[in-house]
């Protein structure tokens, strides 16, 4: 329902995610090797596929894609929180 072209707070719905499912995180930071270590550690004991996504024009920042099968919302959010609080990580998407 829209009032004054603004969505109603009651209309905001969370997407339904069925588990287990494949999930991807984009992790951005300065040290590519350290980022890989952080991702591997945060996702353990699950197997994670890590690929280089992009490097900033001056080469200071790298973004890596981390893809894995998560078994529950708790696991998915736990990995996100671990990545988000890691010192080597600037941004997690």
N, C-alpha and C. Protein backbone atom coordinates (compact mmCIF):
# COMPACT_ATOMS: atom_id res chain seq x y z
N UNK A 1 0.84 -1.18 0.00
CA UNK A 1 0.00 0.00 0.00
C UNK A 1 0.89 1.24 0.00
N UNK A 2 0.59 2.17 -0.89
CA UNK A 2 1.36 3.40 -0.97
C UNK A 2 0.54 4.58 -0.46
N UNK A 3 1.14 5.35 0.38
CA UNK A 3 0.54 6.59 0.84
C UNK A 3 1.52 7.70 0.54
N UNK A 4 1.07 8.68 -0.20
CA UNK A 4 1.95 9.79 -0.56
C UNK A 4 3.22 9.30 -1.24
N UNK A 5 3.11 8.27 -2.09
CA UNK A 5 4.22 7.69 -2.83
C UNK A 5 5.30 7.08 -1.94
N UNK A 6 4.98 6.78 -0.70
CA UNK A 6 5.91 6.13 0.20
C UNK A 6 5.39 4.74 0.54
N UNK A 7 6.24 3.72 0.50
CA UNK A 7 5.76 2.39 0.85
C UNK A 7 5.39 2.32 2.33
N UNK A 8 4.31 1.62 2.61
CA UNK A 8 3.88 1.43 3.98
C UNK A 8 4.87 0.52 4.69
N UNK A 9 5.16 0.82 5.96
CA UNK A 9 6.08 -0.02 6.72
C UNK A 9 5.54 -1.43 6.88
N UNK A 10 4.24 -1.59 6.81
CA UNK A 10 3.63 -2.91 6.96
C UNK A 10 3.80 -3.77 5.71
N UNK A 11 4.18 -3.18 4.59
CA UNK A 11 4.31 -3.90 3.33
C UNK A 11 5.70 -4.47 3.10
N UNK A 12 6.65 -4.13 3.93
CA UNK A 12 8.01 -4.61 3.73
C UNK A 12 8.06 -6.08 4.12
N UNK A 13 8.42 -6.92 3.14
CA UNK A 13 8.48 -8.35 3.38
C UNK A 13 9.90 -8.85 3.17
N UNK A 14 10.31 -9.78 4.01
CA UNK A 14 11.61 -10.42 3.84
C UNK A 14 11.47 -11.50 2.79
N UNK A 15 12.47 -11.66 1.96
CA UNK A 15 12.39 -12.73 0.96
C UNK A 15 12.40 -14.10 1.64
N UNK A 16 11.66 -15.02 1.08
CA UNK A 16 11.65 -16.38 1.61
C UNK A 16 12.83 -17.14 0.99
N UNK A 17 13.70 -17.65 1.83
CA UNK A 17 14.87 -18.38 1.37
C UNK A 17 14.74 -19.82 1.84
N UNK A 18 14.86 -20.75 0.92
CA UNK A 18 14.78 -22.16 1.27
C UNK A 18 16.20 -22.70 1.45
N UNK A 19 16.41 -23.36 2.56
CA UNK A 19 17.73 -23.91 2.89
C UNK A 19 17.71 -25.42 2.75
N UNK A 20 18.83 -26.04 2.39
CA UNK A 20 20.11 -25.42 2.04
C UNK A 20 20.04 -24.73 0.69
N UNK A 21 20.89 -23.72 0.50
CA UNK A 21 20.93 -23.00 -0.77
C UNK A 21 22.34 -22.46 -1.00
N UNK A 22 22.62 -22.16 -2.25
CA UNK A 22 23.90 -21.54 -2.60
C UNK A 22 23.80 -20.05 -2.29
N UNK A 23 24.81 -19.54 -1.59
CA UNK A 23 24.83 -18.13 -1.20
C UNK A 23 26.15 -17.51 -1.60
N UNK A 24 26.12 -16.25 -2.01
CA UNK A 24 27.34 -15.54 -2.40
C UNK A 24 27.52 -14.30 -1.54
N UNK A 25 28.76 -14.06 -1.16
CA UNK A 25 29.15 -12.84 -0.47
C UNK A 25 30.19 -12.15 -1.34
N UNK A 26 30.13 -10.83 -1.43
CA UNK A 26 31.20 -10.06 -2.06
C UNK A 26 31.95 -9.39 -0.92
N UNK A 27 33.24 -9.66 -0.85
CA UNK A 27 34.07 -9.19 0.26
C UNK A 27 35.13 -8.25 -0.30
N UNK A 28 35.23 -7.05 0.26
CA UNK A 28 36.13 -6.03 -0.26
C UNK A 28 37.13 -5.63 0.82
N UNK A 29 38.41 -5.54 0.41
CA UNK A 29 39.47 -5.13 1.32
C UNK A 29 40.74 -4.84 0.55
N UNK A 30 41.82 -4.55 1.27
CA UNK A 30 43.07 -4.14 0.63
C UNK A 30 44.00 -5.31 0.31
N UNK A 31 44.05 -6.32 1.16
CA UNK A 31 45.00 -7.41 1.01
C UNK A 31 44.27 -8.67 0.53
N UNK A 32 44.48 -9.01 -0.73
CA UNK A 32 43.78 -10.13 -1.36
C UNK A 32 44.06 -11.45 -0.64
N UNK A 33 45.30 -11.70 -0.29
CA UNK A 33 45.67 -12.95 0.39
C UNK A 33 45.02 -13.04 1.76
N UNK A 34 45.03 -11.95 2.49
CA UNK A 34 44.42 -11.93 3.81
C UNK A 34 42.90 -12.10 3.71
N UNK A 35 42.29 -11.49 2.70
CA UNK A 35 40.85 -11.65 2.50
C UNK A 35 40.49 -13.12 2.28
N UNK A 36 41.29 -13.82 1.47
CA UNK A 36 41.03 -15.24 1.22
C UNK A 36 41.11 -16.04 2.52
N UNK A 37 42.09 -15.73 3.36
CA UNK A 37 42.22 -16.41 4.64
C UNK A 37 41.02 -16.15 5.54
N UNK A 38 40.57 -14.91 5.59
CA UNK A 38 39.42 -14.54 6.42
C UNK A 38 38.17 -15.26 5.93
N UNK A 39 37.96 -15.28 4.62
CA UNK A 39 36.78 -15.94 4.05
C UNK A 39 36.80 -17.43 4.37
N UNK A 40 37.93 -18.08 4.14
CA UNK A 40 38.05 -19.51 4.41
C UNK A 40 37.77 -19.81 5.87
N UNK A 41 38.31 -19.01 6.77
CA UNK A 41 38.11 -19.20 8.20
C UNK A 41 36.65 -18.96 8.60
N UNK A 42 36.04 -17.91 8.07
CA UNK A 42 34.66 -17.57 8.42
C UNK A 42 33.67 -18.63 7.94
N UNK A 43 33.98 -19.28 6.84
CA UNK A 43 33.08 -20.27 6.26
C UNK A 43 33.33 -21.69 6.76
N UNK A 44 34.45 -21.92 7.43
CA UNK A 44 34.80 -23.26 7.91
C UNK A 44 33.71 -23.78 8.84
N UNK A 45 33.37 -25.03 8.79
CA UNK A 45 34.00 -26.12 8.05
C UNK A 45 33.41 -26.31 6.64
N UNK A 46 32.57 -25.38 6.19
CA UNK A 46 31.95 -25.50 4.87
C UNK A 46 32.96 -25.20 3.77
N UNK A 47 32.80 -25.87 2.64
CA UNK A 47 33.65 -25.60 1.48
C UNK A 47 33.18 -24.33 0.80
N UNK A 48 34.11 -23.45 0.51
CA UNK A 48 33.78 -22.18 -0.13
C UNK A 48 34.61 -22.02 -1.39
N UNK A 49 33.98 -21.49 -2.42
CA UNK A 49 34.67 -21.19 -3.67
C UNK A 49 34.94 -19.68 -3.70
N UNK A 50 36.22 -19.32 -3.83
CA UNK A 50 36.60 -17.91 -3.81
C UNK A 50 37.15 -17.52 -5.17
N UNK A 51 36.61 -16.44 -5.73
CA UNK A 51 37.12 -15.95 -7.01
C UNK A 51 37.34 -14.44 -6.93
N UNK A 52 38.33 -13.96 -7.67
CA UNK A 52 38.63 -12.53 -7.70
C UNK A 52 37.60 -11.86 -8.60
N UNK A 53 36.99 -10.82 -8.09
CA UNK A 53 35.94 -10.14 -8.83
C UNK A 53 36.45 -8.86 -9.51
N UNK A 54 37.15 -8.02 -8.74
CA UNK A 54 37.52 -6.71 -9.27
C UNK A 54 38.67 -6.13 -8.44
N UNK A 55 39.41 -5.24 -9.07
CA UNK A 55 40.45 -4.48 -8.37
C UNK A 55 40.22 -3.01 -8.69
N UNK A 56 40.38 -2.15 -7.71
CA UNK A 56 40.18 -0.72 -7.94
C UNK A 56 41.19 -0.21 -8.96
N UNK A 57 40.91 0.93 -9.55
CA UNK A 57 41.76 1.47 -10.62
C UNK A 57 43.20 1.70 -10.18
N UNK A 58 43.41 2.01 -8.92
CA UNK A 58 44.77 2.22 -8.42
C UNK A 58 45.34 0.97 -7.75
N UNK A 59 44.57 -0.11 -7.75
CA UNK A 59 45.05 -1.38 -7.20
C UNK A 59 45.05 -1.48 -5.69
N UNK A 60 44.42 -0.53 -5.02
CA UNK A 60 44.43 -0.54 -3.55
C UNK A 60 43.41 -1.52 -2.98
N UNK A 61 42.24 -1.61 -3.61
CA UNK A 61 41.17 -2.46 -3.10
C UNK A 61 40.89 -3.61 -4.04
N UNK A 62 40.56 -4.75 -3.44
CA UNK A 62 40.19 -5.95 -4.19
C UNK A 62 38.81 -6.39 -3.72
N UNK A 63 38.02 -6.92 -4.65
CA UNK A 63 36.77 -7.54 -4.23
C UNK A 63 36.81 -9.00 -4.66
N UNK A 64 36.41 -9.85 -3.72
CA UNK A 64 36.39 -11.29 -3.96
C UNK A 64 34.97 -11.79 -3.81
N UNK A 65 34.61 -12.77 -4.63
CA UNK A 65 33.32 -13.43 -4.49
C UNK A 65 33.54 -14.73 -3.73
N UNK A 66 32.72 -14.96 -2.73
CA UNK A 66 32.77 -16.19 -1.96
C UNK A 66 31.42 -16.88 -2.12
N UNK A 67 31.43 -18.09 -2.63
CA UNK A 67 30.18 -18.81 -2.88
C UNK A 67 30.22 -20.16 -2.17
N UNK A 68 29.14 -20.48 -1.47
CA UNK A 68 29.07 -21.74 -0.75
C UNK A 68 27.61 -22.12 -0.52
N UNK A 69 27.40 -23.33 -0.09
CA UNK A 69 26.06 -23.80 0.26
C UNK A 69 25.88 -23.59 1.75
N UNK A 70 24.88 -22.77 2.12
CA UNK A 70 24.57 -22.55 3.53
C UNK A 70 23.37 -23.41 3.91
N UNK A 71 23.39 -23.92 5.12
CA UNK A 71 22.37 -24.87 5.55
C UNK A 71 21.20 -24.23 6.30
N UNK A 72 21.40 -22.99 6.78
CA UNK A 72 20.33 -22.33 7.53
C UNK A 72 20.57 -20.82 7.56
N UNK A 73 19.55 -20.10 7.98
CA UNK A 73 19.69 -18.65 8.11
C UNK A 73 20.73 -18.30 9.17
N UNK A 74 20.78 -19.08 10.24
CA UNK A 74 21.74 -18.83 11.31
C UNK A 74 23.18 -18.94 10.78
N UNK A 75 23.44 -19.95 9.97
CA UNK A 75 24.78 -20.12 9.38
C UNK A 75 25.09 -18.96 8.45
N UNK A 76 24.14 -18.60 7.60
CA UNK A 76 24.33 -17.50 6.64
C UNK A 76 24.65 -16.20 7.36
N UNK A 77 23.88 -15.88 8.40
CA UNK A 77 24.10 -14.63 9.12
C UNK A 77 25.37 -14.66 9.97
N UNK A 78 25.70 -15.82 10.50
CA UNK A 78 26.93 -15.95 11.29
C UNK A 78 28.16 -15.69 10.42
N UNK A 79 28.17 -16.25 9.23
CA UNK A 79 29.29 -16.00 8.30
C UNK A 79 29.37 -14.52 7.96
N UNK A 80 28.22 -13.91 7.68
CA UNK A 80 28.18 -12.48 7.35
C UNK A 80 28.76 -11.65 8.50
N UNK A 81 28.34 -11.92 9.73
CA UNK A 81 28.83 -11.16 10.89
C UNK A 81 30.32 -11.35 11.09
N UNK A 82 30.80 -12.57 10.90
CA UNK A 82 32.24 -12.85 11.05
C UNK A 82 33.03 -12.08 10.01
N UNK A 83 32.56 -12.08 8.77
CA UNK A 83 33.25 -11.33 7.72
C UNK A 83 33.22 -9.83 8.00
N UNK A 84 32.06 -9.34 8.41
CA UNK A 84 31.87 -7.91 8.64
C UNK A 84 32.78 -7.37 9.74
N UNK A 85 33.07 -8.18 10.73
CA UNK A 85 33.87 -7.70 11.86
C UNK A 85 35.37 -7.97 11.71
N UNK A 86 35.76 -8.65 10.64
CA UNK A 86 37.18 -8.93 10.42
C UNK A 86 37.92 -7.64 10.05
N UNK A 87 39.09 -7.45 10.65
CA UNK A 87 39.87 -6.22 10.44
C UNK A 87 40.27 -6.03 8.97
N UNK A 88 40.51 -7.11 8.24
CA UNK A 88 40.96 -7.02 6.85
C UNK A 88 39.83 -6.64 5.89
N UNK A 89 38.60 -6.76 6.35
CA UNK A 89 37.43 -6.55 5.49
C UNK A 89 36.91 -5.13 5.64
N UNK A 90 36.76 -4.45 4.51
CA UNK A 90 36.20 -3.09 4.52
C UNK A 90 34.69 -3.13 4.33
N UNK A 91 34.21 -3.98 3.40
CA UNK A 91 32.79 -4.06 3.07
C UNK A 91 32.43 -5.51 2.76
N UNK A 92 31.23 -5.92 3.19
CA UNK A 92 30.67 -7.21 2.81
C UNK A 92 29.31 -6.96 2.20
N UNK A 93 29.09 -7.51 1.03
CA UNK A 93 27.78 -7.40 0.37
C UNK A 93 27.20 -8.78 0.18
